[in-house]
C-alpha atoms as a PDB file:
ATOM      1  CA  UNK A   1      89.113-129.272 -33.989  1.00  0.00           C
ATOM      2  CA  UNK A   2      91.581-129.940 -37.012  1.00  0.00           C
ATOM      3  CA  UNK A   3      93.065-126.966 -37.661  1.00  0.00           C
ATOM      4  CA  UNK A   4      95.407-128.892 -40.738  1.00  0.00           C
ATOM      5  CA  UNK A   5      98.424-128.422 -38.945  1.00  0.00           C
ATOM      6  CA  UNK A   6     100.945-130.844 -40.298  1.00  0.00           C
ATOM      7  CA  UNK A   7     102.414-131.929 -37.188  1.00  0.00           C
ATOM      8  CA  UNK A   8     105.032-133.636 -38.775  1.00  0.00           C
ATOM      9  CA  UNK A   9     106.523-131.419 -40.344  1.00  0.00           C
ATOM     10  CA  UNK A  10     106.197-128.913 -37.773  1.00  0.00           C
ATOM     11  CA  UNK A  11     108.350-131.248 -35.848  1.00  0.00           C
ATOM     12  CA  UNK A  12     111.240-131.848 -38.355  1.00  0.00           C
ATOM     13  CA  UNK A  13     110.837-128.272 -38.881  1.00  0.00           C
ATOM     14  CA  UNK A  14     111.764-127.766 -34.829  1.00  0.00           C
ATOM     15  CA  UNK A  15     114.442-130.393 -35.385  1.00  0.00           C
ATOM     16  CA  UNK A  16     115.988-128.089 -38.051  1.00  0.00           C
ATOM     17  CA  UNK A  17     116.023-125.115 -35.612  1.00  0.00           C
ATOM     18  CA  UNK A  18     117.422-127.219 -32.515  1.00  0.00           C
ATOM     19  CA  UNK A  19     120.468-128.592 -35.272  1.00  0.00           C
ATOM     20  CA  UNK A  20     120.718-125.034 -36.034  1.00  0.00           C
ATOM     21  CA  UNK A  21     120.738-123.235 -32.722  1.00  0.00           C
ATOM     22  CA  UNK A  22     123.154-125.731 -31.923  1.00  0.00           C
ATOM     23  CA  UNK A  23     126.438-125.421 -34.801  1.00  0.00           C
ATOM     24  CA  UNK A  24     127.883-122.278 -33.145  1.00  0.00           C
ATOM     25  CA  UNK A  25     128.011-123.384 -29.693  1.00  0.00           C
ATOM     26  CA  UNK A  26     129.869-126.414 -31.139  1.00  0.00           C
ATOM     27  CA  UNK A  27     131.404-125.645 -33.223  1.00  0.00           C
ATOM     28  CA  UNK A  28     133.138-122.230 -31.228  1.00  0.00           C
ATOM     29  CA  UNK A  29     131.729-121.922 -27.968  1.00  0.00           C
ATOM     30  CA  UNK A  30     133.717-118.709 -27.343  1.00  0.00           C
ATOM     31  CA  UNK A  31     132.461-117.279 -30.407  1.00  0.00           C
ATOM     32  CA  UNK A  32     128.589-118.129 -29.184  1.00  0.00           C
ATOM     33  CA  UNK A  33     129.384-117.206 -25.065  1.00  0.00           C
ATOM     34  CA  UNK A  34     130.925-113.597 -27.053  1.00  0.00           C
ATOM     35  CA  UNK A  35     127.639-113.815 -29.500  1.00  0.00           C
ATOM     36  CA  UNK A  36     125.579-113.403 -26.209  1.00  0.00           C
ATOM     37  CA  UNK A  37     127.315-110.926 -24.570  1.00  0.00           C
ATOM     38  CA  UNK A  38     126.984-109.070 -27.089  1.00  0.00           C
ATOM     39  CA  UNK A  39     122.923-109.799 -26.833  1.00  0.00           C
ATOM     40  CA  UNK A  40     122.490-109.881 -23.616  1.00  0.00           C
ATOM     41  CA  UNK A  41     123.849-105.370 -24.106  1.00  0.00           C
ATOM     42  CA  UNK A  42     121.950-104.996 -26.241  1.00  0.00           C
ATOM     43  CA  UNK A  43     118.281-102.803 -26.165  1.00  0.00           C
ATOM     44  CA  UNK A  44     115.387-104.134 -26.187  1.00  0.00           C
ATOM     45  CA  UNK A  45     114.079-102.253 -29.149  1.00  0.00           C
ATOM     46  CA  UNK A  46     116.920-103.147 -30.716  1.00  0.00           C
ATOM     47  CA  UNK A  47     116.393-107.184 -29.778  1.00  0.00           C
ATOM     48  CA  UNK A  48     112.542-106.229 -31.324  1.00  0.00           C
ATOM     49  CA  UNK A  49     113.639-104.598 -34.199  1.00  0.00           C
ATOM     50  CA  UNK A  50     116.277-107.769 -34.426  1.00  0.00           C
ATOM     51  CA  UNK A  51     113.174-111.053 -33.703  1.00  0.00           C
ATOM     52  CA  UNK A  52     110.792-109.078 -36.268  1.00  0.00           C
ATOM     53  CA  UNK A  53     113.489-109.177 -39.135  1.00  0.00           C
ATOM     54  CA  UNK A  54     113.896-112.624 -38.959  1.00  0.00           C
ATOM     55  CA  UNK A  55     110.466-113.730 -38.464  1.00  0.00           C
ATOM     56  CA  UNK A  56     109.566-111.638 -41.793  1.00  0.00           C
ATOM     57  CA  UNK A  57     112.873-113.066 -43.661  1.00  0.00           C
ATOM     58  CA  UNK A  58     111.551-116.467 -41.967  1.00  0.00           C
ATOM     59  CA  UNK A  59     107.766-116.591 -42.941  1.00  0.00           C
ATOM     60  CA  UNK A  60     109.343-114.797 -46.816  1.00  0.00           C
ATOM     61  CA  UNK A  61     111.363-117.759 -47.114  1.00  0.00           C
ATOM     62  CA  UNK A  62     108.595-119.754 -46.742  1.00  0.00           C
ATOM     63  CA  UNK A  63     106.254-118.539 -48.784  1.00  0.00           C
ATOM     64  CA  UNK A  64     108.859-118.944 -51.480  1.00  0.00           C
ATOM     65  CA  UNK A  65     109.299-122.577 -50.616  1.00  0.00           C
ATOM     66  CA  UNK A  66     105.351-122.552 -51.239  1.00  0.00           C
ATOM     67  CA  UNK A  67     105.770-120.882 -54.668  1.00  0.00           C
END
């Protein structure tokens, strides 16, 4: 069953995500720890809203890049 998934592009996207996620801890470990502490203190509903907004923004960027 072929879902039309371009596995190479998906792999590149995951690799780019890993690079982006690693920038802050590499450049400033203390700032990364402070950010994680703040995330841990947030209410679940705040995390859900933030996650939803990030997903929507990501989808809009992808749509913009396709046009």
